[in-house]
Amino acid sequence: MDNNILKKGFIEAYQKSFGNISQSCKAVGIARQTYYNWLKDEEFKTELKSIEPGELFLDFLESKLVERVNNGDTTATIFALKTKGKKRGYIERQEVDLGTDNHFRIEVIRNEENSD
């Protein structure tokens, strides 16, 4: 099969698998070494870099979270509020009651080099 066709197939598989090289190689039936050989091709390499699989994966995960929220999933809704709603006060805080019998000490350490 023509290398250009295989490269195009690899790029499509790479995008669909969010940058998983092993899955992409398997999808087009090439050895991993072939992929590394193709990286010498600047056009191929540039096209791979433009895909940004990490961003695609985050977009995919966010879309799944939104689906679950839309379906009324309480856990997903709470998670979304804790992560995306921090500025509005949706954040967990832990309060510790030390009581009256507990004493603690705070030390302030001065940096002699920077103090006048």
PDB file of N, CA and C in Angstrom:
ATOM      1  N   MET A   1       0.846  -1.184   0.000  1.00  0.00           N
ATOM      2  CA  MET A   1       0.000   0.000   0.000  1.00  0.00           C
ATOM      3  C   MET A   1       0.891   1.247   0.000  1.00  0.00           C
ATOM      4  N   ASP A   2       0.405   2.306  -0.588  1.00  0.00           N
ATOM      5  CA  ASP A   2       1.120   3.569  -0.707  1.00  0.00           C
ATOM      6  C   ASP A   2       1.364   4.186   0.677  1.00  0.00           C
ATOM      7  N   ASN A   3       2.613   4.624   0.914  1.00  0.00           N
ATOM      8  CA  ASN A   3       2.967   5.232   2.199  1.00  0.00           C
ATOM      9  C   ASN A   3       2.130   6.459   2.529  1.00  0.00           C
ATOM     10  N   ASN A   4       1.812   7.270   1.529  1.00  0.00           N
ATOM     11  CA  ASN A   4       1.014   8.478   1.780  1.00  0.00           C
ATOM     12  C   ASN A   4      -0.379   8.132   2.282  1.00  0.00           C
ATOM     13  N   ILE A   5      -0.961   7.081   1.745  1.00  0.00           N
ATOM     14  CA  ILE A   5      -2.283   6.632   2.201  1.00  0.00           C
ATOM     15  C   ILE A   5      -2.185   6.123   3.636  1.00  0.00           C
ATOM     16  N   LEU A   6      -1.127   5.350   3.914  1.00  0.00           N
ATOM     17  CA  LEU A   6      -0.929   4.842   5.271  1.00  0.00           C
ATOM     18  C   LEU A   6      -0.692   5.992   6.263  1.00  0.00           C
ATOM     19  N   LYS A   7       0.079   6.986   5.845  1.00  0.00           N
ATOM     20  CA  LYS A   7       0.336   8.130   6.714  1.00  0.00           C
ATOM     21  C   LYS A   7      -0.960   8.879   7.019  1.00  0.00           C
ATOM     22  N   LYS A   8      -1.780   9.052   5.997  1.00  0.00           N
ATOM     23  CA  LYS A   8      -3.061   9.738   6.187  1.00  0.00           C
ATOM     24  C   LYS A   8      -3.942   8.934   7.152  1.00  0.00           C
ATOM     25  N   GLY A   9      -3.963   7.633   6.978  1.00  0.00           N
ATOM     26  CA  GLY A   9      -4.729   6.768   7.886  1.00  0.00           C
ATOM     27  C   GLY A   9      -4.194   6.833   9.303  1.00  0.00           C
ATOM     28  N   PHE A  10      -2.867   6.869   9.426  1.00  0.00           N
ATOM     29  CA  PHE A  10      -2.256   6.971  10.744  1.00  0.00           C
ATOM     30  C   PHE A  10      -2.672   8.272  11.425  1.00  0.00           C
ATOM     31  N   ILE A  11      -2.618   9.361  10.687  1.00  0.00           N
ATOM     32  CA  ILE A  11      -2.974  10.670  11.246  1.00  0.00           C
ATOM     33  C   ILE A  11      -4.422  10.681  11.722  1.00  0.00           C
ATOM     34  N   GLU A  12      -5.315  10.082  10.949  1.00  0.00           N
ATOM     35  CA  GLU A  12      -6.725   9.994  11.368  1.00  0.00           C
ATOM     36  C   GLU A  12      -6.867   9.154  12.633  1.00  0.00           C
ATOM     37  N   ALA A  13      -6.166   8.023  12.683  1.00  0.00           N
ATOM     38  CA  ALA A  13      -6.214   7.152  13.857  1.00  0.00           C
ATOM     39  C   ALA A  13      -5.590   7.845  15.066  1.00  0.00           C
ATOM     40  N   TYR A  14      -4.528   8.576  14.843  1.00  0.00           N
ATOM     41  CA  TYR A  14      -3.833   9.314  15.902  1.00  0.00           C
ATOM     42  C   TYR A  14      -4.778  10.330  16.540  1.00  0.00           C
ATOM     43  N   GLN A  15      -5.524  11.000  15.688  1.00  0.00           N
ATOM     44  CA  GLN A  15      -6.479  12.004  16.178  1.00  0.00           C
ATOM     45  C   GLN A  15      -7.615  11.330  16.948  1.00  0.00           C
ATOM     46  N   LYS A  16      -8.153  10.250  16.418  1.00  0.00           N
ATOM     47  CA  LYS A  16      -9.262   9.549  17.068  1.00  0.00           C
ATOM     48  C   LYS A  16      -8.848   8.889  18.385  1.00  0.00           C
ATOM     49  N   SER A  17      -7.576   8.502  18.492  1.00  0.00           N
ATOM     50  CA  SER A  17      -7.103   7.829  19.708  1.00  0.00           C
ATOM     51  C   SER A  17      -6.425   8.806  20.666  1.00  0.00           C
ATOM     52  N   PHE A  18      -6.583  10.100  20.394  1.00  0.00           N
ATOM     53  CA  PHE A  18      -6.021  11.149  21.236  1.00  0.00           C
ATOM     54  C   PHE A  18      -4.509  11.004  21.413  1.00  0.00           C
ATOM     55  N   GLY A  19      -3.831  10.672  20.313  1.00  0.00           N
ATOM     56  CA  GLY A  19      -2.376  10.629  20.311  1.00  0.00           C
ATOM     57  C   GLY A  19      -1.757   9.318  20.749  1.00  0.00           C
ATOM     58  N   ASN A  20      -2.545   8.264  20.802  1.00  0.00           N
ATOM     59  CA  ASN A  20      -1.990   6.968  21.192  1.00  0.00           C
ATOM     60  C   ASN A  20      -1.284   6.345  19.992  1.00  0.00           C
ATOM     61  N   ILE A  21       0.032   6.268  20.074  1.00  0.00           N
ATOM     62  CA  ILE A  21       0.843   5.795  18.955  1.00  0.00           C
ATOM     63  C   ILE A  21       0.590   4.314  18.673  1.00  0.00           C
ATOM     64  N   SER A  22       0.551   3.496  19.714  1.00  0.00           N
ATOM     65  CA  SER A  22       0.346   2.050  19.531  1.00  0.00           C
ATOM     66  C   SER A  22      -0.967   1.760  18.835  1.00  0.00           C
ATOM     67  N   GLN A  23      -2.049   2.406  19.289  1.00  0.00           N
ATOM     68  CA  GLN A  23      -3.358   2.193  18.661  1.00  0.00           C
ATOM     69  C   GLN A  23      -3.363   2.668  17.215  1.00  0.00           C
ATOM     70  N   SER A  24      -2.692   3.774  16.963  1.00  0.00           N
ATOM     71  CA  SER A  24      -2.652   4.320  15.606  1.00  0.00           C
ATOM     72  C   SER A  24      -1.885   3.398  14.665  1.00  0.00           C
ATOM     73  N   CYS A  25      -0.762   2.858  15.142  1.00  0.00           N
ATOM     74  CA  CYS A  25       0.012   1.906  14.331  1.00  0.00           C
ATOM     75  C   CYS A  25      -0.818   0.665  14.031  1.00  0.00           C
ATOM     76  N   LYS A  26      -1.489   0.166  15.038  1.00  0.00           N
ATOM     77  CA  LYS A  26      -2.303  -1.039  14.877  1.00  0.00           C
ATOM     78  C   LYS A  26      -3.446  -0.804  13.886  1.00  0.00           C
ATOM     79  N   ALA A  27      -4.037   0.385  13.952  1.00  0.00           N
ATOM     80  CA  ALA A  27      -5.173   0.712  13.081  1.00  0.00           C
ATOM     81  C   ALA A  27      -4.799   0.668  11.602  1.00  0.00           C
ATOM     82  N   VAL A  28      -3.562   1.046  11.270  1.00  0.00           N
ATOM     83  CA  VAL A  28      -3.154   1.042   9.864  1.00  0.00           C
ATOM     84  C   VAL A  28      -2.245  -0.133   9.520  1.00  0.00           C
ATOM     85  N   GLY A  29      -1.933  -0.951  10.520  1.00  0.00           N
ATOM     86  CA  GLY A  29      -1.148  -2.158  10.275  1.00  0.00           C
ATOM     87  C   GLY A  29       0.326  -1.923  10.007  1.00  0.00           C
ATOM     88  N   ILE A  30       0.909  -1.012  10.764  1.00  0.00           N
ATOM     89  CA  ILE A  30       2.348  -0.757  10.600  1.00  0.00           C
ATOM     90  C   ILE A  30       3.069  -1.045  11.916  1.00  0.00           C
ATOM     91  N   ALA A  31       4.359  -1.247  11.823  1.00  0.00           N
ATOM     92  CA  ALA A  31       5.192  -1.418  13.009  1.00  0.00           C
ATOM     93  C   ALA A  31       5.470  -0.039  13.611  1.00  0.00           C
ATOM     94  N   ARG A  32       5.694  -0.018  14.889  1.00  0.00           N
ATOM     95  CA  ARG A  32       6.001   1.246  15.563  1.00  0.00           C
ATOM     96  C   ARG A  32       7.256   1.903  14.970  1.00  0.00           C
ATOM     97  N   GLN A  33       8.200   1.094  14.550  1.00  0.00           N
ATOM     98  CA  GLN A  33       9.429   1.624  13.937  1.00  0.00           C
ATOM     99  C   GLN A  33       9.107   2.401  12.665  1.00  0.00           C
ATOM    100  N   THR A  34       8.105   1.960  11.929  1.00  0.00           N
ATOM    101  CA  THR A  34       7.697   2.676  10.715  1.00  0.00           C
ATOM    102  C   THR A  34       7.250   4.093  11.075  1.00  0.00           C
ATOM    103  N   TYR A  35       6.485   4.200  12.152  1.00  0.00           N
ATOM    104  CA  TYR A  35       6.053   5.524  12.637  1.00  0.00           C
ATOM    105  C   TYR A  35       7.275   6.407  12.904  1.00  0.00           C
ATOM    106  N   TYR A  36       8.264   5.852  13.612  1.00  0.00           N
ATOM    107  CA  TYR A  36       9.462   6.640  13.912  1.00  0.00           C
ATOM    108  C   TYR A  36      10.220   7.021  12.647  1.00  0.00           C
ATOM    109  N   ASN A  37      10.220   6.156  11.665  1.00  0.00           N
ATOM    110  CA  ASN A  37      10.845   6.486  10.376  1.00  0.00           C
ATOM    111  C   ASN A  37      10.091   7.622   9.686  1.00  0.00           C
ATOM    112  N   TRP A  38       8.762   7.595   9.775  1.00  0.00           N
ATOM    113  CA  TRP A  38       7.950   8.641   9.164  1.00  0.00           C
ATOM    114  C   TRP A  38       8.180  10.005   9.804  1.00  0.00           C
ATOM    115  N   LEU A  39       8.595  10.034  11.049  1.00  0.00           N
ATOM    116  CA  LEU A  39       8.834  11.316  11.719  1.00  0.00           C
ATOM    117  C   LEU A  39       9.956  12.116  11.061  1.00  0.00           C
ATOM    118  N   LYS A  40      10.749  11.465  10.207  1.00  0.00           N
ATOM    119  CA  LYS A  40      11.787  12.181   9.450  1.00  0.00           C
ATOM    120  C   LYS A  40      11.161  13.041   8.352  1.00  0.00           C
ATOM    121  N   ASP A  41       9.930  12.738   7.989  1.00  0.00           N
ATOM    122  CA  ASP A  41       9.172  13.498   6.998  1.00  0.00           C
ATOM    123  C   ASP A  41       8.593  14.736   7.700  1.00  0.00           C
ATOM    124  N   GLU A  42       9.107  15.914   7.388  1.00  0.00           N
ATOM    125  CA  GLU A  42       8.714  17.146   8.074  1.00  0.00           C
ATOM    126  C   GLU A  42       7.223  17.454   7.938  1.00  0.00           C
ATOM    127  N   GLU A  43       6.642  17.158   6.782  1.00  0.00           N
ATOM    128  CA  GLU A  43       5.215  17.418   6.581  1.00  0.00           C
ATOM    129  C   GLU A  43       4.379  16.544   7.522  1.00  0.00           C
ATOM    130  N   PHE A  44       4.733  15.272   7.608  1.00  0.00           N
ATOM    131  CA  PHE A  44       4.050  14.336   8.498  1.00  0.00           C
ATOM    132  C   PHE A  44       4.192  14.791   9.955  1.00  0.00           C
ATOM    133  N   LYS A  45       5.412  15.129  10.320  1.00  0.00           N
ATOM    134  CA  LYS A  45       5.709  15.560  11.681  1.00  0.00           C
ATOM    135  C   LYS A  45       4.929  16.831  12.045  1.00  0.00           C
ATOM    136  N   THR A  46       4.880  17.779  11.139  1.00  0.00           N
ATOM    137  CA  THR A  46       4.155  19.032  11.357  1.00  0.00           C
ATOM    138  C   THR A  46       2.660  18.783  11.519  1.00  0.00           C
ATOM    139  N   GLU A  47       2.124  17.887  10.702  1.00  0.00           N
ATOM    140  CA  GLU A  47       0.695  17.581  10.792  1.00  0.00           C
ATOM    141  C   GLU A  47       0.358  16.934  12.140  1.00  0.00           C
ATOM    142  N   LEU A  48       1.222  16.043  12.607  1.00  0.00           N
ATOM    143  CA  LEU A  48       1.007  15.417  13.916  1.00  0.00           C
ATOM    144  C   LEU A  48       1.031  16.465  15.028  1.00  0.00           C
ATOM    145  N   LYS A  49       1.989  17.386  14.966  1.00  0.00           N
ATOM    146  CA  LYS A  49       2.100  18.422  15.991  1.00  0.00           C
ATOM    147  C   LYS A  49       0.873  19.325  16.019  1.00  0.00           C
ATOM    148  N   SER A  50       0.248  19.531  14.877  1.00  0.00           N
ATOM    149  CA  SER A  50      -0.908  20.428  14.810  1.00  0.00           C
ATOM    150  C   SER A  50      -2.159  19.825  15.441  1.00  0.00           C
ATOM    151  N   ILE A  51      -2.157  18.531  15.652  1.00  0.00           N
ATOM    152  CA  ILE A  51      -3.353  17.851  16.171  1.00  0.00           C
ATOM    153  C   ILE A  51      -3.609  18.168  17.644  1.00  0.00           C
ATOM    154  N   GLU A  52      -2.582  18.307  18.459  1.00  0.00           N
ATOM    155  CA  GLU A  52      -2.709  18.574  19.886  1.00  0.00           C
ATOM    156  C   GLU A  52      -3.648  17.576  20.573  1.00  0.00           C
ATOM    157  N   PRO A  53      -3.231  16.318  20.658  1.00  0.00           N
ATOM    158  CA  PRO A  53      -4.098  15.277  21.222  1.00  0.00           C
ATOM    159  C   PRO A  53      -4.515  15.529  22.665  1.00  0.00           C
ATOM    160  N   GLY A  54      -3.666  16.178  23.444  1.00  0.00           N
ATOM    161  CA  GLY A  54      -4.019  16.467  24.837  1.00  0.00           C
ATOM    162  C   GLY A  54      -5.242  17.361  24.935  1.00  0.00           C
ATOM    163  N   GLU A  55      -5.288  18.383  24.091  1.00  0.00           N
ATOM    164  CA  GLU A  55      -6.441  19.289  24.074  1.00  0.00           C
ATOM    165  C   GLU A  55      -7.690  18.576  23.570  1.00  0.00           C
ATOM    166  N   LEU A  56      -7.528  17.738  22.551  1.00  0.00           N
ATOM    167  CA  LEU A  56      -8.667  16.972  22.041  1.00  0.00           C
ATOM    168  C   LEU A  56      -9.239  16.069  23.124  1.00  0.00           C
ATOM    169  N   PHE A  57      -8.350  15.437  23.888  1.00  0.00           N
ATOM    170  CA  PHE A  57      -8.792  14.531  24.938  1.00  0.00           C
ATOM    171  C   PHE A  57      -9.544  15.295  26.034  1.00  0.00           C
ATOM    172  N   LEU A  58      -9.032  16.462  26.420  1.00  0.00           N
ATOM    173  CA  LEU A  58      -9.741  17.271  27.413  1.00  0.00           C
ATOM    174  C   LEU A  58     -11.109  17.712  26.897  1.00  0.00           C
ATOM    175  N   ASP A  59     -11.171  18.102  25.632  1.00  0.00           N
ATOM    176  CA  ASP A  59     -12.459  18.470  25.033  1.00  0.00           C
ATOM    177  C   ASP A  59     -13.424  17.293  25.082  1.00  0.00           C
ATOM    178  N   PHE A  60     -12.928  16.108  24.750  1.00  0.00           N
ATOM    179  CA  PHE A  60     -13.749  14.903  24.764  1.00  0.00           C
ATOM    180  C   PHE A  60     -14.265  14.623  26.183  1.00  0.00           C
ATOM    181  N   LEU A  61     -13.361  14.694  27.164  1.00  0.00           N
ATOM    182  CA  LEU A  61     -13.757  14.435  28.549  1.00  0.00           C
ATOM    183  C   LEU A  61     -14.781  15.460  29.032  1.00  0.00           C
ATOM    184  N   GLU A  62     -14.558  16.710  28.692  1.00  0.00           N
ATOM    185  CA  GLU A  62     -15.518  17.740  29.082  1.00  0.00           C
ATOM    186  C   GLU A  62     -16.881  17.496  28.440  1.00  0.00           C
ATOM    187  N   SER A  63     -16.883  17.042  27.193  1.00  0.00           N
ATOM    188  CA  SER A  63     -18.171  16.769  26.533  1.00  0.00           C
ATOM    189  C   SER A  63     -18.906  15.626  27.229  1.00  0.00           C
ATOM    190  N   LYS A  64     -18.153  14.614  27.690  1.00  0.00           N
ATOM    191  CA  LYS A  64     -18.771  13.498  28.418  1.00  0.00           C
ATOM    192  C   LYS A  64     -19.324  13.962  29.764  1.00  0.00           C
ATOM    193  N   LEU A  65     -18.591  14.855  30.419  1.00  0.00           N
ATOM    194  CA  LEU A  65     -19.073  15.409  31.686  1.00  0.00           C
ATOM    195  C   LEU A  65     -20.362  16.187  31.471  1.00  0.00           C
ATOM    196  N   VAL A  66     -20.393  16.996  30.427  1.00  0.00           N
ATOM    197  CA  VAL A  66     -21.593  17.777  30.119  1.00  0.00           C
ATOM    198  C   VAL A  66     -22.777  16.847  29.820  1.00  0.00           C
ATOM    199  N   GLU A  67     -22.532  15.770  29.079  1.00  0.00           N
ATOM    200  CA  GLU A  67     -23.592  14.787  28.806  1.00  0.00           C
ATOM    201  C   GLU A  67     -24.177  14.242  30.104  1.00  0.00           C
ATOM    202  N   ARG A  68     -23.301  13.875  31.034  1.00  0.00           N
ATOM    203  CA  ARG A  68     -23.755  13.297  32.306  1.00  0.00           C
ATOM    204  C   ARG A  68     -24.530  14.329  33.123  1.00  0.00           C
ATOM    205  N   VAL A  69     -24.048  15.574  33.120  1.00  0.00           N
ATOM    206  CA  VAL A  69     -24.767  16.632  33.830  1.00  0.00           C
ATOM    207  C   VAL A  69     -26.144  16.826  33.209  1.00  0.00           C
ATOM    208  N   ASN A  70     -26.198  16.861  31.875  1.00  0.00           N
ATOM    209  CA  ASN A  70     -27.473  17.022  31.175  1.00  0.00           C
ATOM    210  C   ASN A  70     -28.447  15.881  31.450  1.00  0.00           C
ATOM    211  N   ASN A  71     -27.907  14.698  31.739  1.00  0.00           N
ATOM    212  CA  ASN A  71     -28.754  13.538  32.051  1.00  0.00           C
ATOM    213  C   ASN A  71     -29.130  13.464  33.525  1.00  0.00           C
ATOM    214  N   GLY A  72     -28.771  14.492  34.284  1.00  0.00           N
ATOM    215  CA  GLY A  72     -29.179  14.554  35.687  1.00  0.00           C
ATOM    216  C   GLY A  72     -28.285  13.805  36.654  1.00  0.00           C
ATOM    217  N   ASP A  73     -27.075  13.470  36.252  1.00  0.00           N
ATOM    218  CA  ASP A  73     -26.148  12.746  37.114  1.00  0.00           C
ATOM    219  C   ASP A  73     -25.662  13.692  38.223  1.00  0.00           C
ATOM    220  N   THR A  74     -26.104  13.422  39.448  1.00  0.00           N
ATOM    221  CA  THR A  74     -25.769  14.286  40.581  1.00  0.00           C
ATOM    222  C   THR A  74     -24.272  14.345  40.841  1.00  0.00           C
ATOM    223  N   THR A  75     -23.612  13.210  40.796  1.00  0.00           N
ATOM    224  CA  THR A  75     -22.168  13.182  41.043  1.00  0.00           C
ATOM    225  C   THR A  75     -21.420  14.032  40.021  1.00  0.00           C
ATOM    226  N   ALA A  76     -21.800  13.916  38.756  1.00  0.00           N
ATOM    227  CA  ALA A  76     -21.158  14.707  37.710  1.00  0.00           C
ATOM    228  C   ALA A  76     -21.420  16.196  37.919  1.00  0.00           C
ATOM    229  N   THR A  77     -22.626  16.533  38.354  1.00  0.00           N
ATOM    230  CA  THR A  77     -22.978  17.928  38.600  1.00  0.00           C
ATOM    231  C   THR A  77     -22.141  18.497  39.744  1.00  0.00           C
ATOM    232  N   ILE A  78     -22.024  17.738  40.819  1.00  0.00           N
ATOM    233  CA  ILE A  78     -21.210  18.183  41.962  1.00  0.00           C
ATOM    234  C   ILE A  78     -19.755  18.352  41.536  1.00  0.00           C
ATOM    235  N   PHE A  79     -19.239  17.375  40.793  1.00  0.00           N
ATOM    236  CA  PHE A  79     -17.852  17.467  40.322  1.00  0.00           C
ATOM    237  C   PHE A  79     -17.657  18.712  39.458  1.00  0.00           C
ATOM    238  N   ALA A  80     -18.583  18.951  38.551  1.00  0.00           N
ATOM    239  CA  ALA A  80     -18.470  20.116  37.662  1.00  0.00           C
ATOM    240  C   ALA A  80     -18.482  21.413  38.468  1.00  0.00           C
ATOM    241  N   LEU A  81     -19.344  21.490  39.460  1.00  0.00           N
ATOM    242  CA  LEU A  81     -19.391  22.699  40.283  1.00  0.00           C
ATOM    243  C   LEU A  81     -18.112  22.879  41.097  1.00  0.00           C
ATOM    244  N   LYS A  82     -17.565  21.785  41.620  1.00  0.00           N
ATOM    245  CA  LYS A  82     -16.329  21.884  42.408  1.00  0.00           C
ATOM    246  C   LYS A  82     -15.137  22.303  41.554  1.00  0.00           C
ATOM    247  N   THR A  83     -15.142  21.927  40.290  1.00  0.00           N
ATOM    248  CA  THR A  83     -14.004  22.255  39.436  1.00  0.00           C
ATOM    249  C   THR A  83     -14.212  23.532  38.636  1.00  0.00           C
ATOM    250  N   LYS A  84     -15.390  23.721  38.098  1.00  0.00           N
ATOM    251  CA  LYS A  84     -15.642  24.889  37.252  1.00  0.00           C
ATOM    252  C   LYS A  84     -16.298  26.044  38.011  1.00  0.00           C
ATOM    253  N   GLY A  85     -16.860  25.752  39.191  1.00  0.00           N
ATOM    254  CA  GLY A  85     -17.603  26.779  39.927  1.00  0.00           C
ATOM    255  C   GLY A  85     -16.890  27.319  41.150  1.00  0.00           C
ATOM    256  N   LYS A  86     -15.581  27.154  41.215  1.00  0.00           N
ATOM    257  CA  LYS A  86     -14.820  27.609  42.385  1.00  0.00           C
ATOM    258  C   LYS A  86     -14.994  29.107  42.639  1.00  0.00           C
ATOM    259  N   LYS A  87     -15.012  29.891  41.582  1.00  0.00           N
ATOM    260  CA  LYS A  87     -15.124  31.341  41.727  1.00  0.00           C
ATOM    261  C   LYS A  87     -16.469  31.757  42.317  1.00  0.00           C
ATOM    262  N   ARG A  88     -17.441  30.877  42.216  1.00  0.00           N
ATOM    263  CA  ARG A  88     -18.767  31.170  42.762  1.00  0.00           C
ATOM    264  C   ARG A  88     -18.988  30.538  44.137  1.00  0.00           C
ATOM    265  N   GLY A  89     -17.928  29.979  44.684  1.00  0.00           N
ATOM    266  CA  GLY A  89     -18.021  29.452  46.037  1.00  0.00           C
ATOM    267  C   GLY A  89     -18.270  27.962  46.149  1.00  0.00           C
ATOM    268  N   TYR A  90     -18.328  27.267  45.023  1.00  0.00           N
ATOM    269  CA  TYR A  90     -18.542  25.816  45.057  1.00  0.00           C
ATOM    270  C   TYR A  90     -17.197  25.115  45.248  1.00  0.00           C
ATOM    271  N   ILE A  91     -16.757  25.114  46.487  1.00  0.00           N
ATOM    272  CA  ILE A  91     -15.471  24.506  46.796  1.00  0.00           C
ATOM    273  C   ILE A  91     -15.588  23.852  48.166  1.00  0.00           C
ATOM    274  N   GLU A  92     -14.952  22.722  48.294  1.00  0.00           N
ATOM    275  CA  GLU A  92     -14.981  22.050  49.589  1.00  0.00           C
ATOM    276  C   GLU A  92     -13.941  22.679  50.497  1.00  0.00           C
ATOM    277  N   ARG A  93     -14.337  22.885  51.723  1.00  0.00           N
ATOM    278  CA  ARG A  93     -13.408  23.387  52.721  1.00  0.00           C
ATOM    279  C   ARG A  93     -13.482  22.478  53.923  1.00  0.00           C
ATOM    280  N   GLN A  94     -12.376  22.314  54.533  1.00  0.00           N
ATOM    281  CA  GLN A  94     -12.323  21.467  55.711  1.00  0.00           C
ATOM    282  C   GLN A  94     -12.099  22.355  56.923  1.00  0.00           C
ATOM    283  N   GLU A  95     -12.998  22.228  57.890  1.00  0.00           N
ATOM    284  CA  GLU A  95     -12.855  23.003  59.110  1.00  0.00           C
ATOM    285  C   GLU A  95     -12.319  22.097  60.198  1.00  0.00           C
ATOM    286  N   VAL A  96     -11.381  22.612  60.971  1.00  0.00           N
ATOM    287  CA  VAL A  96     -10.788  21.854  62.058  1.00  0.00           C
ATOM    288  C   VAL A  96     -11.077  22.593  63.353  1.00  0.00           C
ATOM    289  N   ASP A  97     -11.732  21.917  64.279  1.00  0.00           N
ATOM    290  CA  ASP A  97     -12.030  22.490  65.580  1.00  0.00           C
ATOM    291  C   ASP A  97     -10.935  22.059  66.545  1.00  0.00           C
ATOM    292  N   LEU A  98     -10.117  23.001  66.962  1.00  0.00           N
ATOM    293  CA  LEU A  98      -9.022  22.683  67.865  1.00  0.00           C
ATOM    294  C   LEU A  98      -9.474  22.652  69.322  1.00  0.00           C
ATOM    295  N   GLY A  99     -10.648  23.165  69.600  1.00  0.00           N
ATOM    296  CA  GLY A  99     -11.142  23.186  70.975  1.00  0.00           C
ATOM    297  C   GLY A  99     -10.347  24.180  71.815  1.00  0.00           C
ATOM    298  N   THR A 100     -10.629  24.204  73.114  1.00  0.00           N
ATOM    299  CA  THR A 100      -9.952  25.164  73.988  1.00  0.00           C
ATOM    300  C   THR A 100      -8.706  24.583  74.628  1.00  0.00           C
ATOM    301  N   ASP A 101      -8.562  23.266  74.647  1.00  0.00           N
ATOM    302  CA  ASP A 101      -7.418  22.642  75.299  1.00  0.00           C
ATOM    303  C   ASP A 101      -6.189  22.542  74.398  1.00  0.00           C
ATOM    304  N   ASN A 102      -6.389  22.718  73.123  1.00  0.00           N
ATOM    305  CA  ASN A 102      -5.272  22.572  72.190  1.00  0.00           C
ATOM    306  C   ASN A 102      -4.576  23.910  71.976  1.00  0.00           C
ATOM    307  N   HIS A 103      -3.284  23.890  72.044  1.00  0.00           N
ATOM    308  CA  HIS A 103      -2.494  25.090  71.812  1.00  0.00           C
ATOM    309  C   HIS A 103      -1.559  24.828  70.644  1.00  0.00           C
ATOM    310  N   PHE A 104      -1.306  25.840  69.890  1.00  0.00           N
ATOM    311  CA  PHE A 104      -0.355  25.702  68.805  1.00  0.00           C
ATOM    312  C   PHE A 104       0.475  26.965  68.714  1.00  0.00           C
ATOM    313  N   ARG A 105       1.603  26.862  68.072  1.00  0.00           N
ATOM    314  CA  ARG A 105       2.543  27.970  67.984  1.00  0.00           C
ATOM    315  C   ARG A 105       2.816  28.268  66.509  1.00  0.00           C
ATOM    316  N   ILE A 106       2.849  29.527  66.199  1.00  0.00           N
ATOM    317  CA  ILE A 106       3.187  29.952  64.845  1.00  0.00           C
ATOM    318  C   ILE A 106       4.519  30.670  64.924  1.00  0.00           C
ATOM    319  N   GLU A 107       5.443  30.239  64.115  1.00  0.00           N
ATOM    320  CA  GLU A 107       6.755  30.875  64.080  1.00  0.00           C
ATOM    321  C   GLU A 107       6.881  31.678  62.800  1.00  0.00           C
ATOM    322  N   VAL A 108       7.399  32.869  62.944  1.00  0.00           N
ATOM    323  CA  VAL A 108       7.676  33.695  61.776  1.00  0.00           C
ATOM    324  C   VAL A 108       9.185  33.691  61.598  1.00  0.00           C
ATOM    325  N   ILE A 109       9.621  33.264  60.456  1.00  0.00           N
ATOM    326  CA  ILE A 109      11.048  33.191  60.174  1.00  0.00           C
ATOM    327  C   ILE A 109      11.408  34.361  59.271  1.00  0.00           C
ATOM    328  N   ARG A 110      12.314  35.180  59.761  1.00  0.00           N
ATOM    329  CA  ARG A 110      12.746  36.337  58.986  1.00  0.00           C
ATOM    330  C   ARG A 110      13.941  35.964  58.141  1.00  0.00           C
ATOM    331  N   ASN A 111      13.955  36.468  56.967  1.00  0.00           N
ATOM    332  CA  ASN A 111      15.096  36.315  56.102  1.00  0.00           C
ATOM    333  C   ASN A 111      16.014  37.499  56.383  1.00  0.00           C
ATOM    334  N   GLU A 112      17.068  37.246  57.138  1.00  0.00           N
ATOM    335  CA  GLU A 112      17.981  38.303  57.565  1.00  0.00           C
ATOM    336  C   GLU A 112      18.610  39.029  56.386  1.00  0.00           C
ATOM    337  N   GLU A 113      18.781  38.326  55.295  1.00  0.00           N
ATOM    338  CA  GLU A 113      19.428  38.902  54.120  1.00  0.00           C
ATOM    339  C   GLU A 113      18.618  40.036  53.531  1.00  0.00           C
ATOM    340  N   ASN A 114      17.255  39.911  53.547  1.00  0.00           N
ATOM    341  CA  ASN A 114      16.391  40.904  52.902  1.00  0.00           C
ATOM    342  C   ASN A 114      15.777  41.887  53.885  1.00  0.00           C
ATOM    343  N   SER A 115      16.000  41.750  55.163  1.00  0.00           N
ATOM    344  CA  SER A 115      15.383  42.669  56.123  1.00  0.00           C
ATOM    345  C   SER A 115      16.355  43.785  56.491  1.00  0.00           C
ATOM    346  N   ASP A 116      15.820  44.959  56.715  1.00  0.00           N
ATOM    347  CA  ASP A 116      16.648  46.124  57.080  1.00  0.00           C
ATOM    348  C   ASP A 116      16.466  46.453  58.538  1.00  0.00           C
TER     349      ASP A 116
END
